Amino acid sequence: GDGKAANFIEGSIADVAIKVTPGVVSIVTEIRGTNFIGMSTTSTAAGTGMIVTEEGYILTNKHVIEGATSVQIVLDDGTTCDDIELVGTDPTNDIAFLKIKNASNLTPVKLGDSKTITTGQPVIAIGNALGQLQNTITYGIISGIGRSITAMSSDYSASESLVDMIQTDAAINSGNSGGPLVNAAGEVIGINTATSSDADGIGFAIPISSVKGMLNSLIATGKLDRAYLGVYYINITPAIAKSYNLPVSS
């Protein structure tokens, strides 16, 4: 059906959730380091991802796996996969692709068209809430589109500017980062990414259209490629203005 026009009818949230959750995975990471007195430390974190091919390519947020020394993926049926490869990350967005090695016959999510979404359209978010409540379903609407935000890491040590984000009031938290934002047709239209620490009911998702090109390249070549436009610029000085006959001098 048309994902744009689709509305949830009575009972259909459960139907959509049942259809999508086999493609949603929990991602458990381990980060090893040393503390200020030189002792080795190990911490764990958890997030969400989604299966995008039967052969085990997984789409998630870059911040879910950032700094991880080991990654484990737990499928919807409880199967644990330890042989995980980081295929690559998007340098311009909070996106990463993983691969479950030697996987086959997995159930991928169905990707929709985020270019046709409308404000007020109902959506559900699916993910590993708080890193321990696997495949939690939350319901809401698209509150806005084309939002720009600055996302902070959980320890406030790093920030990233994210543009063209989908705003939603479907509950998103650190654990369901990387999970799908889904329309009433059961199609993924966004990747749940950030939540506002200042307000309830404000979460953000990356539009799925921004990763489709990379995914197609990955499936075709096994490598991640992203098209980009390179621009060089220089500050205008009186000398440059004169040599290029510019109407301004600075």
Protein backbone atom coordinates (compact mmCIF):
# COMPACT_ATOMS: atom_id res chain seq x y z
CA GLY A 1 0.00 0.00 0.00
CA ASP A 2 0.89 3.66 -0.16
CA GLY A 3 3.00 4.33 2.93
CA LYS A 4 2.17 8.02 2.79
CA ALA A 5 -1.60 7.58 2.94
CA ALA A 6 -1.60 4.63 5.29
CA ASN A 7 -3.08 5.03 8.75
CA PHE A 8 -3.06 2.50 11.55
CA ILE A 9 -6.48 0.96 12.01
CA GLU A 10 -7.62 -0.91 15.10
CA GLY A 11 -5.25 -3.79 15.82
CA SER A 12 -2.91 -2.93 12.97
CA ILE A 13 -0.08 -1.59 15.17
CA ALA A 14 0.32 -5.13 16.51
CA ASP A 15 0.16 -6.54 12.97
CA VAL A 16 2.83 -4.14 11.71
CA ALA A 17 5.03 -4.80 14.74
CA ILE A 18 4.81 -8.57 14.20
CA LYS A 19 5.77 -8.06 10.55
CA VAL A 20 8.76 -5.78 11.26
CA THR A 21 10.29 -7.12 14.51
CA PRO A 22 11.98 -10.21 12.93
CA GLY A 23 14.18 -7.69 11.09
CA VAL A 24 15.11 -5.75 14.24
CA VAL A 25 18.21 -6.79 16.20
CA SER A 26 19.80 -5.81 19.50
CA ILE A 27 23.46 -4.77 19.35
CA VAL A 28 25.58 -5.34 22.45
CA THR A 29 29.03 -3.76 22.50
CA GLU A 30 32.00 -4.09 24.80
CA ILE A 31 34.46 -1.24 25.27
CA ARG A 32 37.83 -2.00 26.88
CA GLY A 33 40.10 0.73 28.17
CA THR A 34 42.20 1.85 31.10
CA ASN A 35 41.16 4.10 33.94
CA PHE A 36 43.11 7.00 35.45
CA ILE A 37 45.23 4.71 37.64
CA GLY A 38 46.15 2.45 34.75
CA MET A 39 43.82 -0.48 35.54
CA SER A 40 42.06 -2.11 32.60
CA THR A 41 38.30 -1.57 32.49
CA THR A 42 35.46 -3.12 30.50
CA SER A 43 32.09 -1.50 29.96
CA THR A 44 29.12 -2.66 27.93
CA ALA A 45 26.52 -0.73 25.98
CA ALA A 46 23.52 -1.68 23.89
CA GLY A 47 21.60 -0.33 20.94
CA THR A 48 19.47 -1.46 18.04
CA GLY A 49 19.95 -2.28 14.37
CA MET A 50 17.92 -3.60 11.48
CA ILE A 51 18.55 -6.37 9.00
CA VAL A 52 18.62 -4.93 5.47
CA THR A 53 19.59 -8.04 3.46
CA GLU A 54 19.00 -11.78 3.87
CA GLU A 55 22.79 -12.24 3.94
CA GLY A 56 23.13 -10.34 7.20
CA TYR A 57 23.94 -6.71 6.46
CA ILE A 58 22.82 -4.63 9.45
CA LEU A 59 22.06 -0.90 9.46
CA THR A 60 22.52 1.00 12.73
CA ASN A 61 23.76 4.31 14.15
CA LYS A 62 27.48 5.00 14.11
CA HIS A 63 27.33 6.06 17.77
CA VAL A 64 25.96 2.63 18.77
CA ILE A 65 29.26 0.94 17.80
CA GLU A 66 31.67 3.85 18.27
CA GLY A 67 34.75 2.78 20.26
CA ALA A 68 33.57 -0.83 20.59
CA THR A 69 36.25 -3.50 20.96
CA SER A 70 33.71 -6.28 20.38
CA VAL A 71 30.18 -6.38 18.95
CA GLN A 72 27.50 -9.00 19.48
CA ILE A 73 24.16 -9.11 17.69
CA VAL A 74 21.04 -10.72 19.18
CA LEU A 75 18.30 -11.63 16.70
CA ASP A 76 14.60 -11.31 17.48
CA ASP A 77 14.37 -15.06 18.23
CA GLY A 78 17.18 -14.81 20.80
CA THR A 79 19.94 -16.21 18.58
CA THR A 80 23.28 -14.60 19.46
CA CYS A 81 25.80 -13.85 16.70
CA ASP A 82 29.40 -13.13 17.70
CA ASP A 83 31.15 -13.13 14.32
CA ILE A 84 30.42 -9.52 13.34
CA GLU A 85 32.29 -7.31 10.86
CA LEU A 86 32.13 -3.52 10.79
CA VAL A 87 31.69 -2.91 7.07
CA GLY A 88 31.93 0.86 7.27
CA THR A 89 30.48 4.12 8.48
CA ASP A 90 29.10 7.22 6.78
CA PRO A 91 31.52 10.12 7.31
CA THR A 92 28.72 12.68 7.03
CA ASN A 93 25.96 11.02 9.04
CA ASP A 94 25.36 8.92 12.15
CA ILE A 95 25.17 5.70 10.11
CA ALA A 96 27.10 2.42 10.23
CA PHE A 97 26.76 -0.93 8.45
CA LEU A 98 27.66 -4.23 10.12
CA LYS A 99 27.70 -7.73 8.66
CA ILE A 100 26.79 -10.97 10.41
CA LYS A 101 29.36 -13.28 8.80
CA ASN A 102 28.14 -16.47 7.09
CA ALA A 103 24.48 -15.51 7.54
CA SER A 104 21.69 -16.51 5.17
CA ASN A 105 17.89 -16.54 5.02
CA LEU A 106 17.48 -13.72 7.53
CA THR A 107 14.31 -11.61 7.45
CA PRO A 108 15.11 -8.04 6.35
CA VAL A 109 12.93 -5.03 7.08
CA LYS A 110 11.11 -3.41 4.16
CA LEU A 111 12.43 0.05 3.32
CA GLY A 112 9.92 2.78 2.46
CA ASP A 113 10.19 6.21 0.90
CA SER A 114 10.98 8.96 3.38
CA LYS A 115 10.52 11.59 0.67
CA THR A 116 6.73 11.12 0.76
CA ILE A 117 6.22 11.42 4.52
CA THR A 118 3.97 14.12 5.97
CA THR A 119 3.78 15.89 9.31
CA GLY A 120 1.04 14.36 11.47
CA GLN A 121 1.43 10.92 9.89
CA PRO A 122 1.34 8.09 12.48
CA VAL A 123 4.50 6.02 13.03
CA ILE A 124 5.90 3.40 15.39
CA ALA A 125 9.47 3.09 16.67
CA ILE A 126 10.93 -0.34 17.46
CA GLY A 127 14.06 -0.99 19.47
CA ASN A 128 16.00 -2.31 22.43
CA ALA A 129 14.68 0.27 24.92
CA LEU A 130 17.19 1.29 27.62
CA GLY A 131 19.50 -1.37 26.18
CA GLN A 132 17.63 -4.17 27.91
CA LEU A 133 13.96 -4.20 26.84
CA GLN A 134 14.30 -5.89 23.46
CA ASN A 135 11.97 -4.87 20.62
CA THR A 136 9.93 -2.33 22.56
CA ILE A 137 7.20 -0.73 20.40
CA THR A 138 6.32 2.94 20.83
CA TYR A 139 3.66 4.85 18.90
CA GLY A 140 3.36 8.46 17.82
CA ILE A 141 3.28 10.80 14.88
CA ILE A 142 5.78 12.64 12.70
CA SER A 143 6.02 15.96 14.52
CA GLY A 144 8.16 17.71 11.92
CA ILE A 145 10.51 17.13 9.00
CA GLY A 146 13.72 18.76 7.82
CA ARG A 147 14.97 19.42 11.36
CA SER A 148 18.62 20.23 12.11
CA ILE A 149 20.04 19.22 15.49
CA THR A 150 23.36 18.89 17.28
CA ALA A 151 23.54 15.43 18.86
CA MET A 152 25.79 14.89 21.89
CA SER A 153 27.39 11.58 22.85
CA SER A 154 26.11 10.09 26.13
CA ASP A 155 29.22 11.28 28.00
CA TYR A 156 29.08 14.72 26.29
CA SER A 157 32.62 14.21 24.93
CA ALA A 158 31.63 14.59 21.27
CA SER A 159 28.92 16.22 19.20
CA GLU A 160 27.67 15.81 15.65
CA SER A 161 25.53 18.10 13.50
CA LEU A 162 22.66 16.21 11.88
CA VAL A 163 20.46 17.76 9.20
CA ASP A 164 17.18 16.88 7.47
CA MET A 165 16.01 14.87 10.49
CA ILE A 166 12.51 13.55 11.10
CA GLN A 167 11.07 14.71 14.46
CA THR A 168 8.69 12.32 16.21
CA ASP A 169 6.94 11.98 19.56
CA ALA A 170 7.22 8.17 19.46
CA ALA A 171 9.45 7.46 22.47
CA ILE A 172 13.12 7.11 21.52
CA ASN A 173 15.92 6.52 24.04
CA SER A 174 19.58 5.58 23.97
CA GLY A 175 18.84 1.85 23.69
CA ASN A 176 16.58 2.01 20.65
CA SER A 177 19.01 4.19 18.70
CA GLY A 178 19.60 2.53 15.34
CA GLY A 179 16.18 0.92 15.22
CA PRO A 180 13.46 1.57 12.64
CA LEU A 181 10.83 4.29 12.49
CA VAL A 182 8.00 2.58 10.63
CA ASN A 183 4.88 3.78 8.80
CA ALA A 184 1.48 2.11 8.85
CA ALA A 185 2.35 0.04 5.78
CA GLY A 186 5.17 -1.61 7.77
CA GLU A 187 7.89 0.22 5.82
CA VAL A 188 10.96 1.74 7.46
CA ILE A 189 11.05 5.49 6.82
CA GLY A 190 13.73 6.47 9.34
CA ILE A 191 16.56 5.34 11.63
CA ASN A 192 15.88 6.36 15.24
CA THR A 193 18.89 8.35 16.34
CA ALA A 194 18.54 10.96 19.07
CA THR A 195 16.27 12.19 21.81
CA SER A 196 16.04 15.58 23.43
CA SER A 197 17.30 15.68 27.01
CA ASP A 198 15.33 18.90 27.55
CA ALA A 199 11.84 17.71 26.68
CA ASP A 200 9.63 14.63 26.53
CA GLY A 201 8.09 13.63 23.22
CA ILE A 202 10.88 14.96 21.01
CA GLY A 203 12.90 12.30 19.23
CA PHE A 204 14.73 12.37 15.93
CA ALA A 205 15.30 9.89 13.11
CA ILE A 206 17.51 9.97 10.02
CA PRO A 207 15.41 9.65 6.83
CA ILE A 208 15.88 6.24 5.21
CA SER A 209 16.40 7.90 1.79
CA SER A 210 19.79 9.17 2.96
CA VAL A 211 21.17 5.61 3.23
CA LYS A 212 19.59 3.91 0.22
CA GLY A 213 22.43 4.89 -2.15
CA MET A 214 25.06 3.47 0.19
CA LEU A 215 23.04 0.31 0.71
CA ASN A 216 22.66 -0.24 -3.04
CA SER A 217 26.41 0.26 -3.48
CA LEU A 218 27.10 -2.19 -0.65
CA ILE A 219 24.85 -4.87 -2.15
CA ALA A 220 26.32 -4.37 -5.65
CA THR A 221 30.02 -4.10 -4.79
CA GLY A 222 30.47 -5.14 -1.15
CA LYS A 223 31.89 -1.66 -0.48
CA LEU A 224 30.39 1.50 0.98
CA ASP A 225 30.41 4.46 -1.39
CA ARG A 226 28.72 7.78 -0.86
CA ALA A 227 28.45 10.47 -3.52
CA TYR A 228 29.68 13.87 -2.45
CA LEU A 229 30.41 17.25 -3.94
CA GLY A 230 33.82 18.78 -3.19
CA VAL A 231 34.04 22.54 -2.81
CA TYR A 232 37.15 24.65 -2.23
CA TYR A 233 36.84 28.24 -1.09
CA ILE A 234 39.13 31.16 -0.31
CA ASN A 235 38.49 34.40 1.54
CA ILE A 236 38.23 37.41 -0.76
CA THR A 237 41.02 39.97 -0.29
CA PRO A 238 41.37 43.29 -2.12
CA ALA A 239 44.07 41.69 -4.34
CA ILE A 240 41.86 38.72 -5.28
CA ALA A 241 38.88 41.03 -5.81
CA LYS A 242 40.98 43.08 -8.22
CA SER A 243 42.39 40.10 -10.13
CA TYR A 244 38.94 38.53 -10.62
CA ASN A 245 37.23 41.91 -11.11
CA LEU A 246 34.81 41.17 -8.27
CA PRO A 247 32.16 43.68 -7.18
CA VAL A 248 33.13 43.25 -3.49
CA SER A 249 36.49 43.65 -1.75
CA SER A 250 36.12 41.30 1.24
